[in-house]
């Protein structure tokens, strides 16, 4: 889950917490691929 927490912070941190909370959860698989491609 450490990766998920890091990913969550990476996605939500620079953006709006309330706005992206609902977006981050269903997009975890895609976001993981994005994070891995950096």
N, C-alpha and C. Protein backbone atom coordinates (compact mmCIF):
# COMPACT_ATOMS: atom_id res chain seq x y z
N UNK A 1 0.82 -1.21 0.00
CA UNK A 1 0.00 0.00 0.00
C UNK A 1 0.86 1.27 0.00
N UNK A 2 2.13 1.11 0.31
CA UNK A 2 3.03 2.27 0.34
C UNK A 2 3.04 2.96 -1.03
N UNK A 3 3.02 2.16 -2.08
CA UNK A 3 3.01 2.72 -3.43
C UNK A 3 1.73 3.50 -3.68
N UNK A 4 0.64 2.96 -3.20
CA UNK A 4 -0.65 3.63 -3.37
C UNK A 4 -0.68 4.97 -2.65
N UNK A 5 -0.11 5.00 -1.45
CA UNK A 5 -0.07 6.25 -0.68
C UNK A 5 0.79 7.28 -1.38
N UNK A 6 1.95 6.84 -1.87
CA UNK A 6 2.85 7.74 -2.60
C UNK A 6 2.19 8.25 -3.86
N UNK A 7 1.53 7.35 -4.56
CA UNK A 7 0.83 7.72 -5.79
C UNK A 7 -0.29 8.71 -5.49
N UNK A 8 -1.02 8.43 -4.42
CA UNK A 8 -2.12 9.31 -4.02
C UNK A 8 -1.61 10.72 -3.74
N UNK A 9 -0.52 10.81 -3.00
CA UNK A 9 0.06 12.12 -2.68
C UNK A 9 0.58 12.79 -3.93
N UNK A 10 1.18 12.01 -4.82
CA UNK A 10 1.75 12.56 -6.06
C UNK A 10 0.65 13.14 -6.95
N UNK A 11 -0.50 12.47 -6.96
CA UNK A 11 -1.60 12.91 -7.83
C UNK A 11 -2.38 14.06 -7.19
N UNK A 12 -2.67 13.93 -5.91
CA UNK A 12 -3.52 14.90 -5.22
C UNK A 12 -2.73 16.12 -4.74
N UNK A 13 -1.49 15.92 -4.37
CA UNK A 13 -0.67 16.99 -3.80
C UNK A 13 -0.72 18.30 -4.57
N UNK A 14 -0.31 18.31 -5.84
CA UNK A 14 -0.25 19.55 -6.61
C UNK A 14 -1.62 20.04 -7.08
N UNK A 15 -2.66 19.27 -6.81
CA UNK A 15 -4.01 19.64 -7.28
C UNK A 15 -4.96 19.81 -6.10
N UNK A 16 -6.22 19.94 -6.40
CA UNK A 16 -7.23 20.10 -5.35
C UNK A 16 -7.58 18.76 -4.72
N UNK A 17 -7.44 18.67 -3.41
CA UNK A 17 -7.71 17.42 -2.70
C UNK A 17 -9.16 16.97 -2.91
N UNK A 18 -10.10 17.85 -2.69
CA UNK A 18 -11.51 17.48 -2.80
C UNK A 18 -11.89 17.11 -4.23
N UNK A 19 -11.33 17.81 -5.20
CA UNK A 19 -11.70 17.59 -6.60
C UNK A 19 -11.14 16.28 -7.11
N UNK A 20 -9.92 15.95 -6.70
CA UNK A 20 -9.24 14.78 -7.26
C UNK A 20 -9.44 13.50 -6.44
N UNK A 21 -10.01 13.62 -5.25
CA UNK A 21 -10.21 12.44 -4.42
C UNK A 21 -11.03 11.39 -5.15
N UNK A 22 -12.11 11.83 -5.79
CA UNK A 22 -12.99 10.90 -6.50
C UNK A 22 -12.37 10.41 -7.80
N UNK A 23 -11.41 11.18 -8.33
CA UNK A 23 -10.79 10.81 -9.60
C UNK A 23 -9.63 9.84 -9.39
N UNK A 24 -8.90 10.02 -8.29
CA UNK A 24 -7.70 9.22 -8.03
C UNK A 24 -8.04 7.75 -7.80
N UNK A 25 -9.07 7.48 -7.03
CA UNK A 25 -9.40 6.10 -6.66
C UNK A 25 -9.68 5.21 -7.88
N UNK A 26 -10.62 5.57 -8.77
CA UNK A 26 -10.91 4.70 -9.92
C UNK A 26 -9.79 4.70 -10.96
N UNK A 27 -8.88 5.67 -10.90
CA UNK A 27 -7.82 5.77 -11.90
C UNK A 27 -6.48 5.25 -11.39
N UNK A 28 -6.49 4.54 -10.26
CA UNK A 28 -5.23 4.03 -9.71
C UNK A 28 -4.44 3.19 -10.70
N UNK A 29 -5.07 2.24 -11.42
CA UNK A 29 -4.30 1.43 -12.39
C UNK A 29 -3.64 2.30 -13.46
N UNK A 30 -4.39 3.22 -14.03
CA UNK A 30 -3.84 4.09 -15.06
C UNK A 30 -2.78 5.01 -14.50
N UNK A 31 -3.02 5.51 -13.30
CA UNK A 31 -2.06 6.41 -12.67
C UNK A 31 -0.77 5.67 -12.34
N UNK A 32 -0.89 4.40 -11.97
CA UNK A 32 0.30 3.61 -11.67
C UNK A 32 1.16 3.47 -12.92
N UNK A 33 0.53 3.26 -14.05
CA UNK A 33 1.26 3.18 -15.32
C UNK A 33 1.91 4.50 -15.66
N UNK A 34 1.20 5.59 -15.36
CA UNK A 34 1.74 6.92 -15.61
C UNK A 34 2.96 7.17 -14.73
N UNK A 35 2.84 6.81 -13.46
CA UNK A 35 3.94 7.01 -12.51
C UNK A 35 5.15 6.18 -12.92
N UNK A 36 4.89 4.96 -13.40
CA UNK A 36 5.97 4.07 -13.81
C UNK A 36 6.66 4.55 -15.07
N UNK A 37 5.97 5.37 -15.87
CA UNK A 37 6.54 5.82 -17.14
C UNK A 37 7.38 7.08 -16.97
N UNK A 38 7.34 7.68 -15.78
CA UNK A 38 8.10 8.90 -15.53
C UNK A 38 9.59 8.58 -15.45
